[in-house]
Amino acid sequence: MQVKDILSAITTYREERGWTEYQLAERSGLPQSTISSWYQKGMTPSFSSLEKICDAFGLTLSQFLPAARHCLL
């Protein structure tokens, strides 16, 4: 899975909820600068960061990853 697919899925879930990156950061407990740097630098979120993001969205990783793959289509 490519970085852009994971970031696209995060963006989709965030926008579906009407959240800004800042609001996602608040709900996930991650610094907003971390989330922003993923997009600016094309970085892959760490496993622990993905877990926090999924918790904020109310998803498990197994629910999130197929959605990230779907962004390929």
Protein backbone atom coordinates (compact mmCIF):
# COMPACT_ATOMS: atom_id res chain seq x y z
CA MET A 1 0.00 0.00 0.00
CA GLN A 2 1.31 3.42 -0.91
CA VAL A 3 1.64 6.40 1.40
CA LYS A 4 -0.77 8.46 -0.71
CA ASP A 5 -3.46 5.79 -0.29
CA ILE A 6 -3.21 5.89 3.49
CA LEU A 7 -3.21 9.69 3.52
CA SER A 8 -6.15 9.78 1.10
CA ALA A 9 -8.14 7.47 3.38
CA ILE A 10 -7.33 9.63 6.42
CA THR A 11 -8.44 12.71 4.49
CA THR A 12 -11.66 11.03 3.36
CA TYR A 13 -12.63 9.93 6.87
CA ARG A 14 -11.68 13.34 8.27
CA GLU A 15 -13.70 15.25 5.68
CA GLU A 16 -16.71 12.92 6.08
CA ARG A 17 -16.80 14.05 9.70
CA GLY A 18 -16.24 17.70 8.82
CA TRP A 19 -13.02 17.76 10.85
CA THR A 20 -9.98 19.90 10.25
CA GLU A 21 -6.50 18.48 10.72
CA TYR A 22 -6.46 20.30 14.05
CA GLN A 23 -9.67 18.59 15.17
CA LEU A 24 -8.30 15.20 14.14
CA ALA A 25 -5.18 15.95 16.17
CA GLU A 26 -7.27 16.82 19.23
CA ARG A 27 -9.37 13.68 18.94
CA SER A 28 -6.43 11.37 18.26
CA GLY A 29 -4.03 12.87 20.80
CA LEU A 30 -1.40 13.45 18.11
CA PRO A 31 0.30 16.80 17.55
CA GLN A 32 -1.23 18.67 14.62
CA SER A 33 2.30 19.27 13.34
CA THR A 34 2.77 15.50 13.04
CA ILE A 35 -0.37 15.07 10.96
CA SER A 36 0.55 18.05 8.80
CA SER A 37 4.05 16.72 8.20
CA TRP A 38 2.67 13.46 6.80
CA TYR A 39 1.06 15.42 3.99
CA GLN A 40 3.83 17.96 3.48
CA LYS A 41 6.64 15.39 3.43
CA GLY A 42 4.73 12.40 2.03
CA MET A 43 5.51 10.41 5.16
CA THR A 44 3.81 7.22 6.26
CA PRO A 45 2.17 7.43 9.69
CA SER A 46 3.66 5.01 12.21
CA PHE A 47 1.64 2.01 13.31
CA SER A 48 0.95 3.58 16.70
CA SER A 49 -0.15 6.83 15.01
CA LEU A 50 -2.50 4.89 12.72
CA GLU A 51 -4.00 3.19 15.76
CA LYS A 52 -4.67 6.59 17.34
CA ILE A 53 -6.18 7.90 14.09
CA CYS A 54 -8.41 4.84 13.82
CA ASP A 55 -9.51 5.24 17.44
CA ALA A 56 -10.46 8.86 16.72
CA PHE A 57 -12.53 7.70 13.73
CA GLY A 58 -14.10 4.84 15.71
CA LEU A 59 -12.52 2.26 13.40
CA THR A 60 -10.25 -0.71 13.79
CA LEU A 61 -7.13 -1.00 11.67
CA SER A 62 -8.75 -3.88 9.82
CA GLN A 63 -11.65 -1.59 8.89
CA PHE A 64 -9.36 1.27 7.92
CA LEU A 65 -6.87 -0.60 5.73
CA PRO A 66 -9.39 -1.90 3.16
CA ALA A 67 -10.69 1.67 2.85
CA ALA A 68 -7.14 2.87 2.22
CA ARG A 69 -6.76 0.23 -0.50
CA HIS A 70 -10.03 1.41 -2.03
CA CYS A 71 -8.46 4.82 -2.64
CA LEU A 72 -6.42 3.11 -5.37
CA LEU A 73 -9.56 2.63 -7.46
